[in-house]
Amino acid sequence: MRGFVVLPKRWIGERLFAHLMRTRRLARDYERRTTSAEAMIYWSMILLMTRRLARPHSGRG
């Protein structure tokens, strides 16, 4: 194949990393323990899900 080809399901991982990097603390490995890094990932995903739940749904129904 020539040129750009979208790999199946790869965009899901790329989008996840983009959401995690949006919370800038996760851009570098500042945490000493894995539990605190895990907590930051949960915090980032909670922010994402609350924003998605809070926005108005248009036309779904």
C-alpha atoms as a PDB file:
ATOM      1  CA  MET A   1       0.000   0.000   0.000  1.00  0.00           C
ATOM      2  CA  ARG A   2       1.098   3.527  -0.656  1.00  0.00           C
ATOM      3  CA  GLY A   3       0.428   6.631   1.399  1.00  0.00           C
ATOM      4  CA  PHE A   4      -1.379   7.042   4.666  1.00  0.00           C
ATOM      5  CA  VAL A   5      -3.456   4.087   5.832  1.00  0.00           C
ATOM      6  CA  VAL A   6      -5.562   4.171   8.995  1.00  0.00           C
ATOM      7  CA  LEU A   7      -4.895   1.136  11.143  1.00  0.00           C
ATOM      8  CA  PRO A   8      -8.025  -0.373  12.688  1.00  0.00           C
ATOM      9  CA  LYS A   9      -8.570   0.489  16.360  1.00  0.00           C
ATOM     10  CA  ARG A  10      -5.305   2.431  16.614  1.00  0.00           C
ATOM     11  CA  TRP A  11      -7.141   5.755  16.820  1.00  0.00           C
ATOM     12  CA  ILE A  12      -8.747   4.601  20.089  1.00  0.00           C
ATOM     13  CA  GLY A  13      -5.359   4.362  21.766  1.00  0.00           C
ATOM     14  CA  GLU A  14      -4.180   7.606  20.216  1.00  0.00           C
ATOM     15  CA  ARG A  15      -7.278   9.412  21.463  1.00  0.00           C
ATOM     16  CA  LEU A  16      -6.783   7.984  24.983  1.00  0.00           C
ATOM     17  CA  PHE A  17      -3.199   9.247  25.100  1.00  0.00           C
ATOM     18  CA  ALA A  18      -4.338  12.665  23.859  1.00  0.00           C
ATOM     19  CA  HIS A  19      -6.866  12.895  26.693  1.00  0.00           C
ATOM     20  CA  LEU A  20      -4.249  11.841  29.229  1.00  0.00           C
ATOM     21  CA  MET A  21      -1.720  14.365  27.934  1.00  0.00           C
ATOM     22  CA  ARG A  22      -4.324  17.124  28.165  1.00  0.00           C
ATOM     23  CA  THR A  23      -3.906  16.908  31.934  1.00  0.00           C
ATOM     24  CA  ARG A  24      -0.334  18.149  31.796  1.00  0.00           C
ATOM     25  CA  ARG A  25       0.889  16.348  34.881  1.00  0.00           C
ATOM     26  CA  LEU A  26       0.654  13.073  32.985  1.00  0.00           C
ATOM     27  CA  ALA A  27       2.955  14.333  30.244  1.00  0.00           C
ATOM     28  CA  ARG A  28       5.981  13.469  32.360  1.00  0.00           C
ATOM     29  CA  ASP A  29       6.579  10.727  34.855  1.00  0.00           C
ATOM     30  CA  TYR A  30       6.669  12.820  38.030  1.00  0.00           C
ATOM     31  CA  GLU A  31       5.086  10.246  40.310  1.00  0.00           C
ATOM     32  CA  ARG A  32       7.203   8.144  42.652  1.00  0.00           C
ATOM     33  CA  ARG A  33       4.619   5.433  43.127  1.00  0.00           C
ATOM     34  CA  THR A  34       2.477   3.701  40.586  1.00  0.00           C
ATOM     35  CA  THR A  35      -0.591   4.179  42.791  1.00  0.00           C
ATOM     36  CA  SER A  36      -0.365   7.965  42.535  1.00  0.00           C
ATOM     37  CA  ALA A  37       0.126   7.754  38.749  1.00  0.00           C
ATOM     38  CA  GLU A  38      -2.901   5.458  38.566  1.00  0.00           C
ATOM     39  CA  ALA A  39      -4.924   7.939  40.624  1.00  0.00           C
ATOM     40  CA  MET A  40      -4.009  10.727  38.183  1.00  0.00           C
ATOM     41  CA  ILE A  41      -5.213   8.590  35.268  1.00  0.00           C
ATOM     42  CA  TYR A  42      -8.514   7.962  37.059  1.00  0.00           C
ATOM     43  CA  TRP A  43      -8.814  11.688  37.770  1.00  0.00           C
ATOM     44  CA  SER A  44      -8.209  12.521  34.126  1.00  0.00           C
ATOM     45  CA  MET A  45     -10.810  10.020  32.919  1.00  0.00           C
ATOM     46  CA  ILE A  46     -13.352  11.244  35.500  1.00  0.00           C
ATOM     47  CA  LEU A  47     -12.919  14.783  34.157  1.00  0.00           C
ATOM     48  CA  LEU A  48     -13.446  13.541  30.621  1.00  0.00           C
ATOM     49  CA  MET A  49     -16.565  11.538  31.462  1.00  0.00           C
ATOM     50  CA  THR A  50     -18.178  14.313  33.512  1.00  0.00           C
ATOM     51  CA  ARG A  51     -17.692  16.726  30.609  1.00  0.00           C
ATOM     52  CA  ARG A  52     -19.279  14.243  28.236  1.00  0.00           C
ATOM     53  CA  LEU A  53     -22.219  13.628  30.561  1.00  0.00           C
ATOM     54  CA  ALA A  54     -22.775  17.330  31.218  1.00  0.00           C
ATOM     55  CA  ARG A  55     -22.949  18.467  27.596  1.00  0.00           C
ATOM     56  CA  PRO A  56     -26.383  18.645  26.002  1.00  0.00           C
ATOM     57  CA  HIS A  57     -27.408  15.826  23.691  1.00  0.00           C
ATOM     58  CA  SER A  58     -28.762  17.004  20.381  1.00  0.00           C
ATOM     59  CA  GLY A  59     -31.161  14.828  18.445  1.00  0.00           C
ATOM     60  CA  ARG A  60     -30.461  11.526  20.155  1.00  0.00           C
ATOM     61  CA  GLY A  61     -33.294   9.759  21.429  1.00  0.00           C
END
